[in-house]
Amino acid sequence: MALTFPQDQTSYPAMMRFTCKDGNGTTVGDVVELYMPAGVQFADKVEYENIGLGALGIAATGGLEGGTPSDILTTKEGQGLILSEVAKKFSDKAGAVSRIRNKSAPNPNTRALFKQVSLRSFQFSFKLIPTSASEAETIKDIIKKFRTEMYPEDLVGGTSGSLGYKFPNTFSMEFFSNGTTIEGPKVDESYLEACSVAYNPTNQSILDNAGSGYFSEIDLNLTFTESRTLNRDKIGEGF
């Protein structure tokens, strides 16, 4: 079964499908289908760190371009820079004295070193305005679905507390239009990190239907984080 909003998709042919899955990859409960919001953004990021090799580092990695470590040690300037760095290991003052005597300052020789791949994060915002009691009930079920699956289950621990948490289920996300998958970057299995709901953000009106009252406007904001980092092979697979 699918929880779909809007129910009449004439004006919204492009949709997003959120499928909740457990640790075995089995679908859990109802699938959620919402209109595809504008400005869907994919942001890839990797991290680098800056490392100062200094004179000692340059010597250890093979010396200056076109030279060798021994070339550095054969010059007075090179010897002085090496001594300055060695002296600094004992104290900053000793290093400063060595620099003054040799009239030279070591080049930090900063290099960018690859550190790690960052997890991707996705934010989706939906404005849900029901036109009937049926749609209002569907919106309630959609919000409950997201909020329920965002939270972990307690591991056994008695009534006073729990021993820990069982990981929440993940969501897979698909983009489609008129039943056809939209070609574009894929999203890997993701955890729902944040779910924010604002009721009647711009008005105070209530949808009254047969004596039952519903909020007439709901803003739903979802933040997902992929469960694992990507690599070059995953990009080749369409992620």
C-alpha atoms as a PDB file:
ATOM      1  CA  MET A   1       0.000   0.000   0.000  1.00  0.00           C
ATOM      2  CA  ALA A   2       1.174   3.540  -0.719  1.00  0.00           C
ATOM      3  CA  LEU A   3       0.493   6.698   1.268  1.00  0.00           C
ATOM      4  CA  THR A   4       0.236   9.211  -1.580  1.00  0.00           C
ATOM      5  CA  PHE A   5      -0.044  13.001  -1.570  1.00  0.00           C
ATOM      6  CA  PRO A   6      -1.542  14.628  -3.496  1.00  0.00           C
ATOM      7  CA  GLN A   7      -4.103  12.012  -4.365  1.00  0.00           C
ATOM      8  CA  ASP A   8      -4.878  13.811  -7.619  1.00  0.00           C
ATOM      9  CA  GLN A   9      -1.523  13.898  -9.429  1.00  0.00           C
ATOM     10  CA  THR A  10      -2.759  15.731 -12.541  1.00  0.00           C
ATOM     11  CA  SER A  11      -0.758  18.838 -11.634  1.00  0.00           C
ATOM     12  CA  TYR A  12       2.134  16.877 -10.079  1.00  0.00           C
ATOM     13  CA  PRO A  13       3.364  14.186 -12.487  1.00  0.00           C
ATOM     14  CA  ALA A  14       6.837  14.097 -10.901  1.00  0.00           C
ATOM     15  CA  MET A  15       6.872  12.224  -7.590  1.00  0.00           C
ATOM     16  CA  MET A  16       9.254  10.888  -4.937  1.00  0.00           C
ATOM     17  CA  ARG A  17       8.882   7.414  -3.449  1.00  0.00           C
ATOM     18  CA  PHE A  18      10.208   6.700   0.041  1.00  0.00           C
ATOM     19  CA  THR A  19      10.505   2.995   0.860  1.00  0.00           C
ATOM     20  CA  CYS A  20      11.402   2.001   4.420  1.00  0.00           C
ATOM     21  CA  LYS A  21      13.614  -1.091   4.735  1.00  0.00           C
ATOM     22  CA  ASP A  22      14.911  -3.131   7.653  1.00  0.00           C
ATOM     23  CA  GLY A  23      18.440  -4.463   8.081  1.00  0.00           C
ATOM     24  CA  ASN A  24      17.693  -7.371   5.736  1.00  0.00           C
ATOM     25  CA  GLY A  25      16.471  -5.113   2.934  1.00  0.00           C
ATOM     26  CA  THR A  26      12.819  -6.069   3.452  1.00  0.00           C
ATOM     27  CA  THR A  27      10.210  -3.351   2.924  1.00  0.00           C
ATOM     28  CA  VAL A  28       8.613  -2.236   6.193  1.00  0.00           C
ATOM     29  CA  GLY A  29       5.031  -0.955   6.192  1.00  0.00           C
ATOM     30  CA  ASP A  30       3.539   1.454   3.692  1.00  0.00           C
ATOM     31  CA  VAL A  31       5.477   3.203   0.947  1.00  0.00           C
ATOM     32  CA  VAL A  32       5.239   7.019   0.979  1.00  0.00           C
ATOM     33  CA  GLU A  33       4.798   8.925  -2.283  1.00  0.00           C
ATOM     34  CA  LEU A  34       5.049  12.728  -2.294  1.00  0.00           C
ATOM     35  CA  TYR A  35       5.246  15.265  -5.077  1.00  0.00           C
ATOM     36  CA  MET A  36       8.835  16.019  -6.065  1.00  0.00           C
ATOM     37  CA  PRO A  37       9.836  19.388  -4.591  1.00  0.00           C
ATOM     38  CA  ALA A  38      11.700  22.023  -6.551  1.00  0.00           C
ATOM     39  CA  GLY A  39      15.468  22.349  -6.276  1.00  0.00           C
ATOM     40  CA  VAL A  40      16.501  18.784  -5.388  1.00  0.00           C
ATOM     41  CA  GLN A  41      20.212  19.124  -4.599  1.00  0.00           C
ATOM     42  CA  PHE A  42      23.000  16.531  -4.656  1.00  0.00           C
ATOM     43  CA  ALA A  43      26.152  17.725  -2.863  1.00  0.00           C
ATOM     44  CA  ASP A  44      29.279  15.561  -2.949  1.00  0.00           C
ATOM     45  CA  LYS A  45      32.167  16.331  -0.606  1.00  0.00           C
ATOM     46  CA  VAL A  46      35.522  14.829   0.301  1.00  0.00           C
ATOM     47  CA  GLU A  47      37.898  16.091   2.986  1.00  0.00           C
ATOM     48  CA  TYR A  48      41.572  17.012   2.834  1.00  0.00           C
ATOM     49  CA  GLU A  49      43.919  18.040   5.632  1.00  0.00           C
ATOM     50  CA  ASN A  50      46.907  20.359   5.446  1.00  0.00           C
ATOM     51  CA  ILE A  51      50.250  18.905   6.569  1.00  0.00           C
ATOM     52  CA  GLY A  52      53.447  20.938   6.944  1.00  0.00           C
ATOM     53  CA  LEU A  53      56.360  18.695   5.918  1.00  0.00           C
ATOM     54  CA  GLY A  54      59.067  21.209   6.757  1.00  0.00           C
ATOM     55  CA  ALA A  55      62.714  20.707   5.856  1.00  0.00           C
ATOM     56  CA  LEU A  56      62.893  17.317   7.585  1.00  0.00           C
ATOM     57  CA  GLY A  57      59.831  16.097   5.724  1.00  0.00           C
ATOM     58  CA  ILE A  58      61.172  17.206   2.364  1.00  0.00           C
ATOM     59  CA  ALA A  59      64.456  15.471   3.085  1.00  0.00           C
ATOM     60  CA  ALA A  60      62.672  12.264   4.089  1.00  0.00           C
ATOM     61  CA  THR A  61      60.449  12.242   0.977  1.00  0.00           C
ATOM     62  CA  GLY A  62      63.280  12.548  -1.503  1.00  0.00           C
ATOM     63  CA  GLY A  63      64.547  16.077  -1.305  1.00  0.00           C
ATOM     64  CA  LEU A  64      63.895  18.995  -3.572  1.00  0.00           C
ATOM     65  CA  GLU A  65      62.580  18.498  -7.084  1.00  0.00           C
ATOM     66  CA  GLY A  66      65.327  17.032  -9.221  1.00  0.00           C
ATOM     67  CA  GLY A  67      67.540  16.343  -6.181  1.00  0.00           C
ATOM     68  CA  THR A  68      68.067  13.792  -3.445  1.00  0.00           C
ATOM     69  CA  PRO A  69      68.027  13.929   0.380  1.00  0.00           C
ATOM     70  CA  SER A  70      71.826  13.981   0.353  1.00  0.00           C
ATOM     71  CA  ASP A  71      71.792  17.101  -1.841  1.00  0.00           C
ATOM     72  CA  ILE A  72      70.057  19.033   0.932  1.00  0.00           C
ATOM     73  CA  LEU A  73      72.697  18.079   3.478  1.00  0.00           C
ATOM     74  CA  THR A  74      75.642  19.127   1.296  1.00  0.00           C
ATOM     75  CA  THR A  75      74.740  22.829   1.402  1.00  0.00           C
ATOM     76  CA  LYS A  76      75.262  25.164   4.341  1.00  0.00           C
ATOM     77  CA  GLU A  77      71.726  26.518   4.023  1.00  0.00           C
ATOM     78  CA  GLY A  78      70.240  23.040   3.986  1.00  0.00           C
ATOM     79  CA  GLN A  79      72.243  21.983   7.015  1.00  0.00           C
ATOM     80  CA  GLY A  80      71.146  25.132   8.864  1.00  0.00           C
ATOM     81  CA  LEU A  81      67.465  24.536   8.134  1.00  0.00           C
ATOM     82  CA  ILE A  82      67.700  20.927   9.254  1.00  0.00           C
ATOM     83  CA  LEU A  83      69.448  21.986  12.475  1.00  0.00           C
ATOM     84  CA  SER A  84      66.752  24.612  13.111  1.00  0.00           C
ATOM     85  CA  GLU A  85      64.001  22.022  12.884  1.00  0.00           C
ATOM     86  CA  VAL A  86      65.898  19.545  15.070  1.00  0.00           C
ATOM     87  CA  ALA A  87      66.555  22.241  17.649  1.00  0.00           C
ATOM     88  CA  LYS A  88      62.875  23.215  17.663  1.00  0.00           C
ATOM     89  CA  LYS A  89      62.012  19.675  18.715  1.00  0.00           C
ATOM     90  CA  PHE A  90      63.734  20.380  22.026  1.00  0.00           C
ATOM     91  CA  SER A  91      62.310  23.878  22.577  1.00  0.00           C
ATOM     92  CA  ASP A  92      60.934  26.815  20.635  1.00  0.00           C
ATOM     93  CA  LYS A  93      63.736  29.018  21.981  1.00  0.00           C
ATOM     94  CA  ALA A  94      66.421  26.643  20.723  1.00  0.00           C
ATOM     95  CA  GLY A  95      64.785  26.654  17.314  1.00  0.00           C
ATOM     96  CA  ALA A  96      64.629  30.460  17.291  1.00  0.00           C
ATOM     97  CA  VAL A  97      68.306  30.737  18.263  1.00  0.00           C
ATOM     98  CA  SER A  98      69.265  28.356  15.449  1.00  0.00           C
ATOM     99  CA  ARG A  99      67.261  30.406  12.923  1.00  0.00           C
ATOM    100  CA  ILE A 100      68.943  33.629  14.070  1.00  0.00           C
ATOM    101  CA  ARG A 101      72.421  32.114  13.777  1.00  0.00           C
ATOM    102  CA  ASN A 102      71.749  30.687  10.326  1.00  0.00           C
ATOM    103  CA  LYS A 103      69.764  33.709   9.110  1.00  0.00           C
ATOM    104  CA  SER A 104      67.137  31.403   7.566  1.00  0.00           C
ATOM    105  CA  ALA A 105      63.545  30.336   8.130  1.00  0.00           C
ATOM    106  CA  PRO A 106      62.260  26.889   7.183  1.00  0.00           C
ATOM    107  CA  ASN A 107      59.601  26.611   4.485  1.00  0.00           C
ATOM    108  CA  PRO A 108      56.620  24.760   6.046  1.00  0.00           C
ATOM    109  CA  ASN A 109      56.193  22.937   2.709  1.00  0.00           C
ATOM    110  CA  THR A 110      52.461  22.535   3.258  1.00  0.00           C
ATOM    111  CA  ARG A 111      50.813  19.718   1.344  1.00  0.00           C
ATOM    112  CA  ALA A 112      47.149  18.741   0.977  1.00  0.00           C
ATOM    113  CA  LEU A 113      46.601  15.120   1.967  1.00  0.00           C
ATOM    114  CA  PHE A 114      43.404  13.235   1.232  1.00  0.00           C
ATOM    115  CA  LYS A 115      41.622  12.389   4.492  1.00  0.00           C
ATOM    116  CA  GLN A 116      38.202  10.851   3.916  1.00  0.00           C
ATOM    117  CA  VAL A 117      34.908  10.836   2.020  1.00  0.00           C
ATOM    118  CA  SER A 118      32.029  12.706   3.649  1.00  0.00           C
ATOM    119  CA  LEU A 119      28.552  11.256   3.979  1.00  0.00           C
ATOM    120  CA  ARG A 120      26.016  12.965   1.727  1.00  0.00           C
ATOM    121  CA  SER A 121      23.010  14.683   3.255  1.00  0.00           C
ATOM    122  CA  PHE A 122      19.683  15.498   1.578  1.00  0.00           C
ATOM    123  CA  GLN A 123      17.013  18.008   2.595  1.00  0.00           C
ATOM    124  CA  PHE A 124      13.467  17.925   1.233  1.00  0.00           C
ATOM    125  CA  SER A 125      10.690  20.404   2.010  1.00  0.00           C
ATOM    126  CA  PHE A 126       7.023  19.776   1.278  1.00  0.00           C
ATOM    127  CA  LYS A 127       3.979  22.016   1.675  1.00  0.00           C
ATOM    128  CA  LEU A 128       0.973  19.784   2.249  1.00  0.00           C
ATOM    129  CA  ILE A 129      -2.447  21.408   1.780  1.00  0.00           C
ATOM    130  CA  PRO A 130      -5.269  18.864   2.003  1.00  0.00           C
ATOM    131  CA  THR A 131      -8.365  19.333  -0.151  1.00  0.00           C
ATOM    132  CA  SER A 132     -10.407  16.640   1.588  1.00  0.00           C
ATOM    133  CA  ALA A 133     -10.640  14.703   4.839  1.00  0.00           C
ATOM    134  CA  SER A 134      -9.125  11.720   3.051  1.00  0.00           C
ATOM    135  CA  GLU A 135      -6.038  13.698   2.102  1.00  0.00           C
ATOM    136  CA  ALA A 136      -5.828  15.145   5.619  1.00  0.00           C
ATOM    137  CA  GLU A 137      -5.824  11.625   7.082  1.00  0.00           C
ATOM    138  CA  THR A 138      -3.155  10.551   4.587  1.00  0.00           C
ATOM    139  CA  ILE A 139      -0.962  13.481   5.630  1.00  0.00           C
ATOM    140  CA  LYS A 140      -1.302  12.420   9.287  1.00  0.00           C
ATOM    141  CA  ASP A 141      -0.271   8.863   8.361  1.00  0.00           C
ATOM    142  CA  ILE A 142       2.701  10.106   6.304  1.00  0.00           C
ATOM    143  CA  ILE A 143       4.019  12.244   9.157  1.00  0.00           C
ATOM    144  CA  LYS A 144       3.564   9.404  11.634  1.00  0.00           C
ATOM    145  CA  LYS A 145       5.399   7.041   9.290  1.00  0.00           C
ATOM    146  CA  PHE A 146       8.441   9.298   9.009  1.00  0.00           C
ATOM    147  CA  ARG A 147       8.549  10.098  12.730  1.00  0.00           C
ATOM    148  CA  THR A 148       8.159   6.442  13.715  1.00  0.00           C
ATOM    149  CA  GLU A 149      10.948   5.196  11.459  1.00  0.00           C
ATOM    150  CA  MET A 150      13.300   8.012  12.478  1.00  0.00           C
ATOM    151  CA  TYR A 151      13.483   6.738  16.050  1.00  0.00           C
ATOM    152  CA  PRO A 152      15.319   3.591  17.229  1.00  0.00           C
ATOM    153  CA  GLU A 153      13.827   0.744  19.238  1.00  0.00           C
ATOM    154  CA  ASP A 154      14.911   0.267  22.839  1.00  0.00           C
ATOM    155  CA  LEU A 155      16.927  -2.801  23.639  1.00  0.00           C
ATOM    156  CA  VAL A 156      15.590  -4.712  26.642  1.00  0.00           C
ATOM    157  CA  GLY A 157      16.286  -3.003  29.919  1.00  0.00           C
ATOM    158  CA  GLY A 158      13.126  -2.975  32.020  1.00  0.00           C
ATOM    159  CA  THR A 159      10.643  -0.211  32.752  1.00  0.00           C
ATOM    160  CA  SER A 160      13.210   2.198  34.230  1.00  0.00           C
ATOM    161  CA  GLY A 161      15.259   2.505  31.054  1.00  0.00           C
ATOM    162  CA  SER A 162      16.932   0.612  28.248  1.00  0.00           C
ATOM    163  CA  LEU A 163      20.344  -0.927  27.737  1.00  0.00           C
ATOM    164  CA  GLY A 164      20.739   0.653  24.315  1.00  0.00           C
ATOM    165  CA  TYR A 165      19.143   1.190  20.939  1.00  0.00           C
ATOM    166  CA  LYS A 166      18.517  -0.914  17.890  1.00  0.00           C
ATOM    167  CA  PHE A 167      19.430   0.944  14.715  1.00  0.00           C
ATOM    168  CA  PRO A 168      16.461   2.638  12.994  1.00  0.00           C
ATOM    169  CA  ASN A 169      15.344   1.397   9.588  1.00  0.00           C
ATOM    170  CA  THR A 170      16.654   3.098   6.457  1.00  0.00           C
ATOM    171  CA  PHE A 171      14.839   4.670   3.511  1.00  0.00           C
ATOM    172  CA  SER A 172      15.440   4.216  -0.184  1.00  0.00           C
ATOM    173  CA  MET A 173      14.388   7.118  -2.414  1.00  0.00           C
ATOM    174  CA  GLU A 174      13.302   7.096  -6.037  1.00  0.00           C
ATOM    175  CA  PHE A 175      12.193   9.810  -8.445  1.00  0.00           C
ATOM    176  CA  PHE A 176       9.557   9.002 -11.044  1.00  0.00           C
ATOM    177  CA  SER A 177       7.069  10.657 -13.379  1.00  0.00           C
ATOM    178  CA  ASN A 178       3.891   9.006 -14.655  1.00  0.00           C
ATOM    179  CA  GLY A 179       5.236   5.685 -13.416  1.00  0.00           C
ATOM    180  CA  THR A 180       8.581   6.054 -15.230  1.00  0.00           C
ATOM    181  CA  THR A 181      11.842   6.358 -13.314  1.00  0.00           C
ATOM    182  CA  ILE A 182      13.554   9.724 -13.757  1.00  0.00           C
ATOM    183  CA  GLU A 183      17.162   9.303 -14.901  1.00  0.00           C
ATOM    184  CA  GLY A 184      19.535  11.068 -12.569  1.00  0.00           C
ATOM    185  CA  PRO A 185      21.893  10.471  -9.627  1.00  0.00           C
ATOM    186  CA  LYS A 186      20.728   7.770  -7.238  1.00  0.00           C
ATOM    187  CA  VAL A 187      20.460   8.046  -3.475  1.00  0.00           C
ATOM    188  CA  ASP A 188      21.838   5.187  -1.400  1.00  0.00           C
ATOM    189  CA  GLU A 189      20.040   3.747   1.646  1.00  0.00           C
ATOM    190  CA  SER A 190      19.628   6.647   4.082  1.00  0.00           C
ATOM    191  CA  TYR A 191      18.701   7.305   7.676  1.00  0.00           C
ATOM    192  CA  LEU A 192      16.123   9.974   8.476  1.00  0.00           C
ATOM    193  CA  GLU A 193      18.132  12.387  10.603  1.00  0.00           C
ATOM    194  CA  ALA A 194      15.554  15.106  11.226  1.00  0.00           C
ATOM    195  CA  CYS A 195      11.820  15.568  10.740  1.00  0.00           C
ATOM    196  CA  SER A 196      10.305  19.016  11.277  1.00  0.00           C
ATOM    197  CA  VAL A 197       6.575  19.689  10.987  1.00  0.00           C
ATOM    198  CA  ALA A 198       4.904  23.126  11.091  1.00  0.00           C
ATOM    199  CA  TYR A 199       1.122  23.238  11.293  1.00  0.00           C
ATOM    200  CA  ASN A 200      -0.741  26.203   9.768  1.00  0.00           C
ATOM    201  CA  PRO A 201       2.455  28.243   9.251  1.00  0.00           C
ATOM    202  CA  THR A 202       0.709  31.067   7.339  1.00  0.00           C
ATOM    203  CA  ASN A 203      -2.913  30.970   8.519  1.00  0.00           C
ATOM    204  CA  GLN A 204      -5.261  29.846  11.289  1.00  0.00           C
ATOM    205  CA  SER A 205      -7.926  28.178   9.189  1.00  0.00           C
ATOM    206  CA  ILE A 206      -9.146  24.640   9.797  1.00  0.00           C
ATOM    207  CA  LEU A 207     -10.416  22.147   7.255  1.00  0.00           C
ATOM    208  CA  ASP A 208     -13.824  21.133   8.646  1.00  0.00           C
ATOM    209  CA  ASN A 209     -15.306  17.952   7.237  1.00  0.00           C
ATOM    210  CA  ALA A 210     -18.338  16.259   8.751  1.00  0.00           C
ATOM    211  CA  GLY A 211     -17.503  17.547  12.200  1.00  0.00           C
ATOM    212  CA  SER A 212     -13.809  16.540  12.081  1.00  0.00           C
ATOM    213  CA  GLY A 213     -11.227  19.326  12.079  1.00  0.00           C
ATOM    214  CA  TYR A 214      -7.868  19.171  10.293  1.00  0.00           C
ATOM    215  CA  PHE A 215      -5.027  21.609   9.873  1.00  0.00           C
ATOM    216  CA  SER A 216      -5.374  23.286   6.495  1.00  0.00           C
ATOM    217  CA  GLU A 217      -1.636  23.669   5.818  1.00  0.00           C
ATOM    218  CA  ILE A 218       1.382  21.634   6.905  1.00  0.00           C
ATOM    219  CA  ASP A 219       5.088  22.215   6.178  1.00  0.00           C
ATOM    220  CA  LEU A 220       7.108  18.993   6.295  1.00  0.00           C
ATOM    221  CA  ASN A 221      10.914  19.205   6.281  1.00  0.00           C
ATOM    222  CA  LEU A 222      13.012  16.035   6.105  1.00  0.00           C
ATOM    223  CA  THR A 223      16.782  15.581   6.378  1.00  0.00           C
ATOM    224  CA  PHE A 224      18.343  12.280   5.316  1.00  0.00           C
ATOM    225  CA  THR A 225      21.935  11.064   5.670  1.00  0.00           C
ATOM    226  CA  GLU A 226      23.242   8.226   3.541  1.00  0.00           C
ATOM    227  CA  SER A 227      24.190   5.161   5.559  1.00  0.00           C
ATOM    228  CA  ARG A 228      27.597   4.775   3.898  1.00  0.00           C
ATOM    229  CA  THR A 229      30.073   6.802   1.910  1.00  0.00           C
ATOM    230  CA  LEU A 230      30.474   6.594  -1.848  1.00  0.00           C
ATOM    231  CA  ASN A 231      33.531   5.691  -3.900  1.00  0.00           C
ATOM    232  CA  ARG A 232      34.506   5.894  -7.564  1.00  0.00           C
ATOM    233  CA  ASP A 233      32.816   2.569  -8.378  1.00  0.00           C
ATOM    234  CA  LYS A 234      29.503   3.758  -6.882  1.00  0.00           C
ATOM    235  CA  ILE A 235      29.598   6.861  -9.058  1.00  0.00           C
ATOM    236  CA  GLY A 236      29.996   4.563 -12.050  1.00  0.00           C
ATOM    237  CA  GLU A 237      26.850   2.740 -10.905  1.00  0.00           C
ATOM    238  CA  GLY A 238      24.839   5.957 -11.100  1.00  0.00           C
ATOM    239  CA  PHE A 239      25.037   7.294  -7.525  1.00  0.00           C
END
